[in-house]
């Protein structure tokens, strides 16, 4: 077996929040991870849809990004964006 070449192998402190809510268009089961990595952005995992994205305020303002990242309709993405604007 060849030797492994690590790019990095760090342990960091993080804040993890699990939240589930019902919107008018669907249910959202999320895990939001805040660390000192990724330039202050949060890792948002959509547990039901098995998708994740690294999201900051700039990403929430980018048209179509949430729809693309989580494979949501425009209406569903608007609900999720509304919530994420409060916490990211």
PDB file of N, CA and C in Angstrom:
ATOM      1  N   UNK A   1       0.842  -1.175   0.000  1.00  0.00           N
ATOM      2  CA  UNK A   1       0.000   0.000   0.000  1.00  0.00           C
ATOM      3  C   UNK A   1       0.892   1.245   0.000  1.00  0.00           C
ATOM      4  N   UNK A   2       0.509   2.248  -0.769  1.00  0.00           N
ATOM      5  CA  UNK A   2       1.300   3.467  -0.838  1.00  0.00           C
ATOM      6  C   UNK A   2       1.046   4.345   0.385  1.00  0.00           C
ATOM      7  N   UNK A   3       1.972   5.240   0.633  1.00  0.00           N
ATOM      8  CA  UNK A   3       1.866   6.142   1.781  1.00  0.00           C
ATOM      9  C   UNK A   3       0.833   7.235   1.491  1.00  0.00           C
ATOM     10  N   UNK A   4       0.045   7.561   2.497  1.00  0.00           N
ATOM     11  CA  UNK A   4      -0.972   8.598   2.360  1.00  0.00           C
ATOM     12  C   UNK A   4      -0.323   9.978   2.414  1.00  0.00           C
ATOM     13  N   UNK A   5      -0.778  10.877   1.575  1.00  0.00           N
ATOM     14  CA  UNK A   5      -0.307  12.260   1.575  1.00  0.00           C
ATOM     15  C   UNK A   5      -1.460  13.154   2.013  1.00  0.00           C
ATOM     16  N   UNK A   6      -1.389  13.665   3.240  1.00  0.00           N
ATOM     17  CA  UNK A   6      -2.448  14.518   3.785  1.00  0.00           C
ATOM     18  C   UNK A   6      -2.235  15.959   3.350  1.00  0.00           C
ATOM     19  N   UNK A   7      -3.285  16.580   2.884  1.00  0.00           N
ATOM     20  CA  UNK A   7      -3.243  18.015   2.629  1.00  0.00           C
ATOM     21  C   UNK A   7      -3.406  18.779   3.936  1.00  0.00           C
ATOM     22  N   UNK A   8      -4.283  18.297   4.782  1.00  0.00           N
ATOM     23  CA  UNK A   8      -4.379  18.762   6.161  1.00  0.00           C
ATOM     24  C   UNK A   8      -5.166  17.749   6.960  1.00  0.00           C
ATOM     25  N   UNK A   9      -4.971  17.784   8.270  1.00  0.00           N
ATOM     26  CA  UNK A   9      -5.655  16.885   9.194  1.00  0.00           C
ATOM     27  C   UNK A   9      -5.763  17.636  10.514  1.00  0.00           C
ATOM     28  N   UNK A  10      -6.792  18.482  10.632  1.00  0.00           N
ATOM     29  CA  UNK A  10      -6.952  19.372  11.778  1.00  0.00           C
ATOM     30  C   UNK A  10      -8.215  19.033  12.553  1.00  0.00           C
ATOM     31  N   UNK A  11      -8.173  19.306  13.832  1.00  0.00           N
ATOM     32  CA  UNK A  11      -9.366  19.264  14.673  1.00  0.00           C
ATOM     33  C   UNK A  11      -9.671  20.696  15.076  1.00  0.00           C
ATOM     34  N   UNK A  12     -10.922  21.111  14.916  1.00  0.00           N
ATOM     35  CA  UNK A  12     -11.302  22.482  15.246  1.00  0.00           C
ATOM     36  C   UNK A  12     -12.550  22.470  16.106  1.00  0.00           C
ATOM     37  N   UNK A  13     -12.717  23.529  16.869  1.00  0.00           N
ATOM     38  CA  UNK A  13     -13.946  23.702  17.639  1.00  0.00           C
ATOM     39  C   UNK A  13     -15.041  24.184  16.692  1.00  0.00           C
ATOM     40  N   UNK A  14     -16.251  23.745  16.962  1.00  0.00           N
ATOM     41  CA  UNK A  14     -17.359  24.164  16.109  1.00  0.00           C
ATOM     42  C   UNK A  14     -18.621  24.312  16.941  1.00  0.00           C
ATOM     43  N   UNK A  15     -19.544  25.039  16.365  1.00  0.00           N
ATOM     44  CA  UNK A  15     -20.877  25.180  16.941  1.00  0.00           C
ATOM     45  C   UNK A  15     -21.826  24.518  15.956  1.00  0.00           C
ATOM     46  N   UNK A  16     -22.609  23.566  16.445  1.00  0.00           N
ATOM     47  CA  UNK A  16     -23.511  22.823  15.574  1.00  0.00           C
ATOM     48  C   UNK A  16     -24.945  23.026  16.046  1.00  0.00           C
ATOM     49  N   UNK A  17     -25.811  23.359  15.110  1.00  0.00           N
ATOM     50  CA  UNK A  17     -27.233  23.562  15.420  1.00  0.00           C
ATOM     51  C   UNK A  17     -28.056  22.657  14.515  1.00  0.00           C
ATOM     52  N   UNK A  18     -28.958  21.913  15.118  1.00  0.00           N
ATOM     53  CA  UNK A  18     -29.911  21.100  14.370  1.00  0.00           C
ATOM     54  C   UNK A  18     -31.256  21.805  14.449  1.00  0.00           C
ATOM     55  N   UNK A  19     -31.881  22.003  13.313  1.00  0.00           N
ATOM     56  CA  UNK A  19     -33.169  22.687  13.288  1.00  0.00           C
ATOM     57  C   UNK A  19     -34.067  22.026  12.243  1.00  0.00           C
ATOM     58  N   UNK A  20     -35.334  21.920  12.597  1.00  0.00           N
ATOM     59  CA  UNK A  20     -36.330  21.382  11.680  1.00  0.00           C
ATOM     60  C   UNK A  20     -37.524  22.332  11.717  1.00  0.00           C
ATOM     61  N   UNK A  21     -37.990  22.727  10.545  1.00  0.00           N
ATOM     62  CA  UNK A  21     -39.165  23.604  10.521  1.00  0.00           C
ATOM     63  C   UNK A  21     -40.000  23.313   9.279  1.00  0.00           C
ATOM     64  N   UNK A  22     -41.266  23.666   9.389  1.00  0.00           N
ATOM     65  CA  UNK A  22     -42.204  23.534   8.279  1.00  0.00           C
ATOM     66  C   UNK A  22     -42.451  24.900   7.681  1.00  0.00           C
ATOM     67  N   UNK A  23     -42.294  24.981   6.392  1.00  0.00           N
ATOM     68  CA  UNK A  23     -42.659  26.185   5.666  1.00  0.00           C
ATOM     69  C   UNK A  23     -43.958  25.923   4.926  1.00  0.00           C
ATOM     70  N   UNK A  24     -44.380  26.876   4.135  1.00  0.00           N
ATOM     71  CA  UNK A  24     -45.591  26.673   3.343  1.00  0.00           C
ATOM     72  C   UNK A  24     -45.349  25.703   2.197  1.00  0.00           C
ATOM     73  N   UNK A  25     -44.107  25.564   1.775  1.00  0.00           N
ATOM     74  CA  UNK A  25     -43.763  24.726   0.621  1.00  0.00           C
ATOM     75  C   UNK A  25     -43.131  23.390   0.991  1.00  0.00           C
ATOM     76  N   UNK A  26     -42.696  23.223   2.246  1.00  0.00           N
ATOM     77  CA  UNK A  26     -42.062  21.959   2.584  1.00  0.00           C
ATOM     78  C   UNK A  26     -41.471  21.945   3.973  1.00  0.00           C
ATOM     79  N   UNK A  27     -40.862  20.814   4.292  1.00  0.00           N
ATOM     80  CA  UNK A  27     -40.206  20.618   5.579  1.00  0.00           C
ATOM     81  C   UNK A  27     -38.697  20.714   5.358  1.00  0.00           C
ATOM     82  N   UNK A  28     -38.022  21.306   6.316  1.00  0.00           N
ATOM     83  CA  UNK A  28     -36.583  21.505   6.224  1.00  0.00           C
ATOM     84  C   UNK A  28     -35.928  20.964   7.488  1.00  0.00           C
ATOM     85  N   UNK A  29     -35.080  19.971   7.334  1.00  0.00           N
ATOM     86  CA  UNK A  29     -34.310  19.395   8.436  1.00  0.00           C
ATOM     87  C   UNK A  29     -32.852  19.724   8.161  1.00  0.00           C
ATOM     88  N   UNK A  30     -32.305  20.609   8.979  1.00  0.00           N
ATOM     89  CA  UNK A  30     -30.978  21.146   8.699  1.00  0.00           C
ATOM     90  C   UNK A  30     -30.007  20.920   9.847  1.00  0.00           C
ATOM     91  N   UNK A  31     -28.755  20.847   9.486  1.00  0.00           N
ATOM     92  CA  UNK A  31     -27.651  20.880  10.436  1.00  0.00           C
ATOM     93  C   UNK A  31     -26.775  22.038   9.988  1.00  0.00           C
ATOM     94  N   UNK A  32     -26.559  23.011  10.873  1.00  0.00           N
ATOM     95  CA  UNK A  32     -25.759  24.193  10.546  1.00  0.00           C
ATOM     96  C   UNK A  32     -24.494  24.152  11.399  1.00  0.00           C
ATOM     97  N   UNK A  33     -23.349  24.144  10.748  1.00  0.00           N
ATOM     98  CA  UNK A  33     -22.064  24.039  11.437  1.00  0.00           C
ATOM     99  C   UNK A  33     -21.291  25.337  11.227  1.00  0.00           C
ATOM    100  N   UNK A  34     -20.941  25.983  12.344  1.00  0.00           N
ATOM    101  CA  UNK A  34     -20.111  27.190  12.303  1.00  0.00           C
ATOM    102  C   UNK A  34     -18.724  26.843  12.840  1.00  0.00           C
ATOM    103  N   UNK A  35     -17.694  27.157  12.066  1.00  0.00           N
ATOM    104  CA  UNK A  35     -16.301  26.979  12.488  1.00  0.00           C
ATOM    105  C   UNK A  35     -15.526  28.235  12.106  1.00  0.00           C
ATOM    106  N   UNK A  36     -14.243  28.227  12.397  1.00  0.00           N
ATOM    107  CA  UNK A  36     -13.411  29.359  11.985  1.00  0.00           C
ATOM    108  C   UNK A  36     -12.842  29.157  10.579  1.00  0.00           C
ATOM    109  N   UNK A  37     -13.284  28.127   9.909  1.00  0.00           N
ATOM    110  CA  UNK A  37     -12.853  27.861   8.531  1.00  0.00           C
ATOM    111  C   UNK A  37     -13.845  28.459   7.534  1.00  0.00           C
ATOM    112  N   UNK A  38     -13.497  28.407   6.297  1.00  0.00           N
ATOM    113  CA  UNK A  38     -14.364  28.827   5.187  1.00  0.00           C
ATOM    114  C   UNK A  38     -14.749  30.297   5.273  1.00  0.00           C
ATOM    115  N   UNK A  39     -13.801  31.112   5.745  1.00  0.00           N
ATOM    116  CA  UNK A  39     -13.967  32.565   5.746  1.00  0.00           C
ATOM    117  C   UNK A  39     -15.226  33.020   6.470  1.00  0.00           C
ATOM    118  N   UNK A  40     -15.581  32.346   7.553  1.00  0.00           N
ATOM    119  CA  UNK A  40     -16.729  32.724   8.359  1.00  0.00           C
ATOM    120  C   UNK A  40     -18.060  32.206   7.842  1.00  0.00           C
ATOM    121  N   UNK A  41     -18.033  31.441   6.772  1.00  0.00           N
ATOM    122  CA  UNK A  41     -19.277  30.885   6.244  1.00  0.00           C
ATOM    123  C   UNK A  41     -19.665  29.640   7.038  1.00  0.00           C
ATOM    124  N   UNK A  42     -20.924  29.265   6.954  1.00  0.00           N
ATOM    125  CA  UNK A  42     -21.446  28.087   7.659  1.00  0.00           C
ATOM    126  C   UNK A  42     -21.600  26.925   6.679  1.00  0.00           C
ATOM    127  N   UNK A  43     -21.425  25.718   7.195  1.00  0.00           N
ATOM    128  CA  UNK A  43     -21.725  24.524   6.416  1.00  0.00           C
ATOM    129  C   UNK A  43     -23.173  24.172   6.740  1.00  0.00           C
ATOM    130  N   UNK A  44     -24.019  24.159   5.727  1.00  0.00           N
ATOM    131  CA  UNK A  44     -25.438  23.877   5.915  1.00  0.00           C
ATOM    132  C   UNK A  44     -25.741  22.537   5.249  1.00  0.00           C
ATOM    133  N   UNK A  45     -26.188  21.595   6.061  1.00  0.00           N
ATOM    134  CA  UNK A  45     -26.533  20.268   5.552  1.00  0.00           C
ATOM    135  C   UNK A  45     -28.046  20.116   5.561  1.00  0.00           C
ATOM    136  N   UNK A  46     -28.605  19.755   4.426  1.00  0.00           N
ATOM    137  CA  UNK A  46     -30.030  19.438   4.320  1.00  0.00           C
ATOM    138  C   UNK A  46     -30.129  17.924   4.486  1.00  0.00           C
ATOM    139  N   UNK A  47     -30.549  17.496   5.649  1.00  0.00           N
ATOM    140  CA  UNK A  47     -30.528  16.083   6.005  1.00  0.00           C
ATOM    141  C   UNK A  47     -31.510  15.280   5.163  1.00  0.00           C
ATOM    142  N   UNK A  48     -32.691  15.807   4.886  1.00  0.00           N
ATOM    143  CA  UNK A  48     -33.697  15.076   4.110  1.00  0.00           C
ATOM    144  C   UNK A  48     -33.267  14.865   2.664  1.00  0.00           C
ATOM    145  N   UNK A  49     -32.682  15.878   2.071  1.00  0.00           N
ATOM    146  CA  UNK A  49     -32.353  15.809   0.642  1.00  0.00           C
ATOM    147  C   UNK A  49     -30.916  15.359   0.386  1.00  0.00           C
ATOM    148  N   UNK A  50     -30.159  15.126   1.471  1.00  0.00           N
ATOM    149  CA  UNK A  50     -28.785  14.650   1.355  1.00  0.00           C
ATOM    150  C   UNK A  50     -27.929  15.606   0.521  1.00  0.00           C
ATOM    151  N   UNK A  51     -28.011  16.901   0.830  1.00  0.00           N
ATOM    152  CA  UNK A  51     -27.242  17.928   0.137  1.00  0.00           C
ATOM    153  C   UNK A  51     -26.627  18.855   1.167  1.00  0.00           C
ATOM    154  N   UNK A  52     -25.542  19.500   0.779  1.00  0.00           N
ATOM    155  CA  UNK A  52     -24.929  20.487   1.659  1.00  0.00           C
ATOM    156  C   UNK A  52     -24.270  21.577   0.836  1.00  0.00           C
ATOM    157  N   UNK A  53     -24.033  22.715   1.500  1.00  0.00           N
ATOM    158  CA  UNK A  53     -23.336  23.829   0.861  1.00  0.00           C
ATOM    159  C   UNK A  53     -22.661  24.658   1.943  1.00  0.00           C
ATOM    160  N   UNK A  54     -21.606  25.327   1.565  1.00  0.00           N
ATOM    161  CA  UNK A  54     -20.928  26.285   2.438  1.00  0.00           C
ATOM    162  C   UNK A  54     -21.517  27.642   2.087  1.00  0.00           C
ATOM    163  N   UNK A  55     -22.184  28.260   3.066  1.00  0.00           N
ATOM    164  CA  UNK A  55     -23.012  29.427   2.776  1.00  0.00           C
ATOM    165  C   UNK A  55     -22.668  30.598   3.687  1.00  0.00           C
ATOM    166  N   UNK A  56     -22.560  31.762   3.085  1.00  0.00           N
ATOM    167  CA  UNK A  56     -22.394  33.023   3.791  1.00  0.00           C
ATOM    168  C   UNK A  56     -23.410  34.013   3.270  1.00  0.00           C
ATOM    169  N   UNK A  57     -23.440  35.196   3.850  1.00  0.00           N
ATOM    170  CA  UNK A  57     -24.416  36.205   3.406  1.00  0.00           C
ATOM    171  C   UNK A  57     -24.314  36.517   1.910  1.00  0.00           C
ATOM    172  N   UNK A  58     -23.105  36.505   1.372  1.00  0.00           N
ATOM    173  CA  UNK A  58     -22.943  36.792  -0.054  1.00  0.00           C
ATOM    174  C   UNK A  58     -23.612  35.724  -0.921  1.00  0.00           C
ATOM    175  N   UNK A  59     -23.564  34.476  -0.474  1.00  0.00           N
ATOM    176  CA  UNK A  59     -24.197  33.391  -1.221  1.00  0.00           C
ATOM    177  C   UNK A  59     -25.717  33.506  -1.203  1.00  0.00           C
ATOM    178  N   UNK A  60     -26.260  33.959  -0.087  1.00  0.00           N
ATOM    179  CA  UNK A  60     -27.709  34.096   0.022  1.00  0.00           C
ATOM    180  C   UNK A  60     -28.236  35.194  -0.894  1.00  0.00           C
ATOM    181  N   UNK A  61     -27.383  36.163  -1.208  1.00  0.00           N
ATOM    182  CA  UNK A  61     -27.794  37.254  -2.100  1.00  0.00           C
ATOM    183  C   UNK A  61     -27.563  36.926  -3.568  1.00  0.00           C
ATOM    184  N   UNK A  62     -26.889  35.809  -3.843  1.00  0.00           N
ATOM    185  CA  UNK A  62     -26.625  35.423  -5.228  1.00  0.00           C
ATOM    186  C   UNK A  62     -27.850  34.715  -5.804  1.00  0.00           C
ATOM    187  N   UNK A  63     -28.404  35.278  -6.844  1.00  0.00           N
ATOM    188  CA  UNK A  63     -29.629  34.742  -7.432  1.00  0.00           C
ATOM    189  C   UNK A  63     -29.423  33.313  -7.942  1.00  0.00           C
ATOM    190  N   UNK A  64     -30.315  32.419  -7.517  1.00  0.00           N
ATOM    191  CA  UNK A  64     -30.302  31.044  -7.987  1.00  0.00           C
ATOM    192  C   UNK A  64     -29.362  30.102  -7.255  1.00  0.00           C
ATOM    193  N   UNK A  65     -28.548  30.625  -6.328  1.00  0.00           N
ATOM    194  CA  UNK A  65     -27.558  29.763  -5.673  1.00  0.00           C
ATOM    195  C   UNK A  65     -28.207  28.710  -4.772  1.00  0.00           C
ATOM    196  N   UNK A  66     -29.159  29.097  -3.962  1.00  0.00           N
ATOM    197  CA  UNK A  66     -29.797  28.153  -3.040  1.00  0.00           C
ATOM    198  C   UNK A  66     -30.599  27.113  -3.829  1.00  0.00           C
ATOM    199  N   UNK A  67     -31.268  27.541  -4.878  1.00  0.00           N
ATOM    200  CA  UNK A  67     -31.986  26.590  -5.736  1.00  0.00           C
ATOM    201  C   UNK A  67     -31.021  25.536  -6.282  1.00  0.00           C
ATOM    202  N   UNK A  68     -29.877  25.992  -6.758  1.00  0.00           N
ATOM    203  CA  UNK A  68     -28.887  25.089  -7.337  1.00  0.00           C
ATOM    204  C   UNK A  68     -28.261  24.179  -6.277  1.00  0.00           C
ATOM    205  N   UNK A  69     -27.820  24.759  -5.175  1.00  0.00           N
ATOM    206  CA  UNK A  69     -27.089  23.996  -4.156  1.00  0.00           C
ATOM    207  C   UNK A  69     -27.946  22.911  -3.520  1.00  0.00           C
ATOM    208  N   UNK A  70     -29.220  23.199  -3.285  1.00  0.00           N
ATOM    209  CA  UNK A  70     -30.091  22.243  -2.598  1.00  0.00           C
ATOM    210  C   UNK A  70     -31.149  21.621  -3.507  1.00  0.00           C
ATOM    211  N   UNK A  71     -31.084  21.926  -4.804  1.00  0.00           N
ATOM    212  CA  UNK A  71     -32.032  21.379  -5.779  1.00  0.00           C
ATOM    213  C   UNK A  71     -33.477  21.639  -5.340  1.00  0.00           C
ATOM    214  N   UNK A  72     -33.789  22.910  -5.113  1.00  0.00           N
ATOM    215  CA  UNK A  72     -35.109  23.329  -4.648  1.00  0.00           C
ATOM    216  C   UNK A  72     -35.810  24.160  -5.715  1.00  0.00           C
ATOM    217  N   UNK A  73     -37.119  24.234  -5.600  1.00  0.00           N
ATOM    218  CA  UNK A  73     -37.883  25.144  -6.453  1.00  0.00           C
ATOM    219  C   UNK A  73     -37.620  26.575  -5.971  1.00  0.00           C
ATOM    220  N   UNK A  74     -38.003  27.532  -6.772  1.00  0.00           N
ATOM    221  CA  UNK A  74     -37.816  28.939  -6.404  1.00  0.00           C
ATOM    222  C   UNK A  74     -38.534  29.265  -5.104  1.00  0.00           C
ATOM    223  N   UNK A  75     -39.739  28.735  -4.937  1.00  0.00           N
ATOM    224  CA  UNK A  75     -40.523  29.009  -3.730  1.00  0.00           C
ATOM    225  C   UNK A  75     -39.882  28.363  -2.496  1.00  0.00           C
ATOM    226  N   UNK A  76     -39.429  27.121  -2.629  1.00  0.00           N
ATOM    227  CA  UNK A  76     -38.768  26.439  -1.511  1.00  0.00           C
ATOM    228  C   UNK A  76     -37.472  27.157  -1.146  1.00  0.00           C
ATOM    229  N   UNK A  77     -36.719  27.566  -2.147  1.00  0.00           N
ATOM    230  CA  UNK A  77     -35.467  28.269  -1.903  1.00  0.00           C
ATOM    231  C   UNK A  77     -35.704  29.596  -1.187  1.00  0.00           C
ATOM    232  N   UNK A  78     -36.798  30.266  -1.506  1.00  0.00           N
ATOM    233  CA  UNK A  78     -37.131  31.521  -0.836  1.00  0.00           C
ATOM    234  C   UNK A  78     -37.396  31.283   0.649  1.00  0.00           C
ATOM    235  N   UNK A  79     -38.095  30.186   0.983  1.00  0.00           N
ATOM    236  CA  UNK A  79     -38.337  29.855   2.390  1.00  0.00           C
ATOM    237  C   UNK A  79     -37.040  29.569   3.127  1.00  0.00           C
ATOM    238  N   UNK A  80     -36.186  28.759   2.502  1.00  0.00           N
ATOM    239  CA  UNK A  80     -34.924  28.411   3.134  1.00  0.00           C
ATOM    240  C   UNK A  80     -34.024  29.641   3.263  1.00  0.00           C
ATOM    241  N   UNK A  81     -33.962  30.453   2.246  1.00  0.00           N
ATOM    242  CA  UNK A  81     -33.153  31.672   2.293  1.00  0.00           C
ATOM    243  C   UNK A  81     -33.624  32.597   3.399  1.00  0.00           C
ATOM    244  N   UNK A  82     -34.920  32.733   3.545  1.00  0.00           N
ATOM    245  CA  UNK A  82     -35.479  33.579   4.597  1.00  0.00           C
ATOM    246  C   UNK A  82     -34.990  33.134   5.971  1.00  0.00           C
ATOM    247  N   UNK A  83     -34.980  31.838   6.211  1.00  0.00           N
ATOM    248  CA  UNK A  83     -34.483  31.308   7.486  1.00  0.00           C
ATOM    249  C   UNK A  83     -32.973  31.528   7.600  1.00  0.00           C
ATOM    250  N   UNK A  84     -32.234  31.189   6.582  1.00  0.00           N
ATOM    251  CA  UNK A  84     -30.773  31.277   6.644  1.00  0.00           C
ATOM    252  C   UNK A  84     -30.280  32.711   6.812  1.00  0.00           C
ATOM    253  N   UNK A  85     -31.009  33.674   6.296  1.00  0.00           N
ATOM    254  CA  UNK A  85     -30.627  35.075   6.493  1.00  0.00           C
ATOM    255  C   UNK A  85     -30.599  35.456   7.966  1.00  0.00           C
ATOM    256  N   UNK A  86     -31.399  34.784   8.784  1.00  0.00           N
ATOM    257  CA  UNK A  86     -31.447  35.068  10.212  1.00  0.00           C
ATOM    258  C   UNK A  86     -30.242  34.504  10.963  1.00  0.00           C
ATOM    259  N   UNK A  87     -29.610  33.439  10.429  1.00  0.00           N
ATOM    260  CA  UNK A  87     -28.594  32.742  11.215  1.00  0.00           C
ATOM    261  C   UNK A  87     -27.194  32.732  10.606  1.00  0.00           C
ATOM    262  N   UNK A  88     -27.067  33.039   9.331  1.00  0.00           N
ATOM    263  CA  UNK A  88     -25.740  32.952   8.698  1.00  0.00           C
ATOM    264  C   UNK A  88     -25.028  34.285   8.773  1.00  0.00           C
TER     265      UNK A  88
END
